[in-house]
Amino acid sequence: MAEEKKAVSASASKKPKRSIFAGIQKWFRELRAEIKKIVWSTRKQVINNTVIVIFAVLLVGVFVWALDFVFAFGRDILISTLG
């Protein structure tokens, strides 16, 4: 009885070998299904997001420039008082 269970479980655990072409075909089928789910942004959304990104980049750039200016000014004062 125990030997029959082992034989049944061993044969049940073996998966049938699929060919590589069947795997590729399945991958393309799933890829097509996922591509159908894509929702593209409207032109207005793209323009709005682009403006937001440009504004954010400029804001961060000005902030970094201001910090650089303050630190350089502080360095110059420190060097002139010590030197």
Protein backbone atom coordinates (compact mmCIF):
# COMPACT_ATOMS: atom_id res chain seq x y z
CA MET A 1 0.00 0.00 0.00
CA ALA A 2 2.80 2.43 0.91
CA GLU A 3 4.67 1.54 -2.26
CA GLU A 4 1.61 2.36 -4.36
CA LYS A 5 1.34 5.79 -2.71
CA LYS A 6 4.98 6.52 -3.42
CA ALA A 7 4.59 5.45 -7.03
CA VAL A 8 1.46 7.57 -7.48
CA SER A 9 2.98 10.64 -5.80
CA ALA A 10 6.20 10.30 -7.79
CA SER A 11 4.34 10.10 -11.09
CA ALA A 12 2.00 12.93 -10.07
CA SER A 13 4.90 15.23 -9.15
CA LYS A 14 6.55 14.83 -12.56
CA LYS A 15 5.43 17.51 -14.95
CA PRO A 16 5.25 16.69 -18.61
CA LYS A 17 8.09 18.29 -20.51
CA ARG A 18 7.03 21.16 -22.70
CA SER A 19 8.93 22.05 -25.79
CA ILE A 20 10.75 25.35 -25.85
CA PHE A 21 8.51 26.49 -28.69
CA ALA A 22 5.39 25.92 -26.59
CA GLY A 23 6.94 28.06 -23.85
CA ILE A 24 7.76 30.84 -26.31
CA GLN A 25 4.25 30.68 -27.75
CA LYS A 26 2.76 30.95 -24.24
CA TRP A 27 5.01 33.92 -23.47
CA PHE A 28 3.87 35.78 -26.60
CA ARG A 29 0.23 35.01 -25.82
CA GLU A 30 0.61 36.46 -22.32
CA LEU A 31 2.55 39.42 -23.71
CA ARG A 32 -0.30 40.23 -26.09
CA ALA A 33 -2.81 40.03 -23.23
CA GLU A 34 -0.73 42.42 -21.12
CA ILE A 35 -0.25 44.88 -23.98
CA LYS A 36 -4.03 45.10 -24.40
CA LYS A 37 -4.24 46.35 -20.79
CA ILE A 38 -2.07 49.42 -21.46
CA VAL A 39 -3.85 52.75 -21.01
CA TRP A 40 -2.09 55.55 -22.86
CA SER A 41 -2.03 59.09 -21.46
CA THR A 42 -3.84 61.83 -23.30
CA ARG A 43 -1.92 64.65 -24.97
CA LYS A 44 -3.10 67.04 -22.26
CA GLN A 45 -1.80 64.76 -19.48
CA VAL A 46 1.58 64.39 -21.18
CA ILE A 47 1.96 68.16 -21.59
CA ASN A 48 0.86 68.76 -17.98
CA ASN A 49 3.32 66.19 -16.61
CA THR A 50 6.13 67.58 -18.78
CA VAL A 51 5.54 71.09 -17.44
CA ILE A 52 5.54 69.78 -13.87
CA VAL A 53 8.82 67.93 -14.42
CA ILE A 54 10.50 70.95 -16.03
CA PHE A 55 9.33 73.17 -13.16
CA ALA A 56 10.57 70.69 -10.55
CA VAL A 57 13.96 70.39 -12.26
CA LEU A 58 14.32 74.18 -12.40
CA LEU A 59 13.28 74.51 -8.75
CA VAL A 60 15.81 71.92 -7.59
CA GLY A 61 18.47 73.51 -9.81
CA VAL A 62 17.89 76.93 -8.26
CA PHE A 63 17.99 75.39 -4.79
CA VAL A 64 21.29 73.62 -5.48
CA TRP A 65 22.72 76.80 -7.05
CA ALA A 66 21.71 78.83 -3.97
CA LEU A 67 23.31 76.31 -1.61
CA ASP A 68 26.46 76.29 -3.72
CA PHE A 69 26.58 80.07 -3.66
CA VAL A 70 26.07 80.22 0.14
CA PHE A 71 28.68 77.54 0.82
CA ALA A 72 31.21 79.13 -1.57
CA PHE A 73 30.63 82.52 0.05
CA GLY A 74 31.10 80.99 3.51
CA ARG A 75 34.27 79.22 2.36
CA ASP A 76 35.69 82.45 0.94
CA ILE A 77 34.97 84.32 4.17
CA LEU A 78 36.51 81.53 6.24
CA ILE A 79 39.65 81.46 4.08
CA SER A 80 40.02 85.24 4.12
CA THR A 81 39.72 85.46 7.94
CA LEU A 82 42.11 82.58 8.58
CA GLY A 83 44.62 83.46 5.89
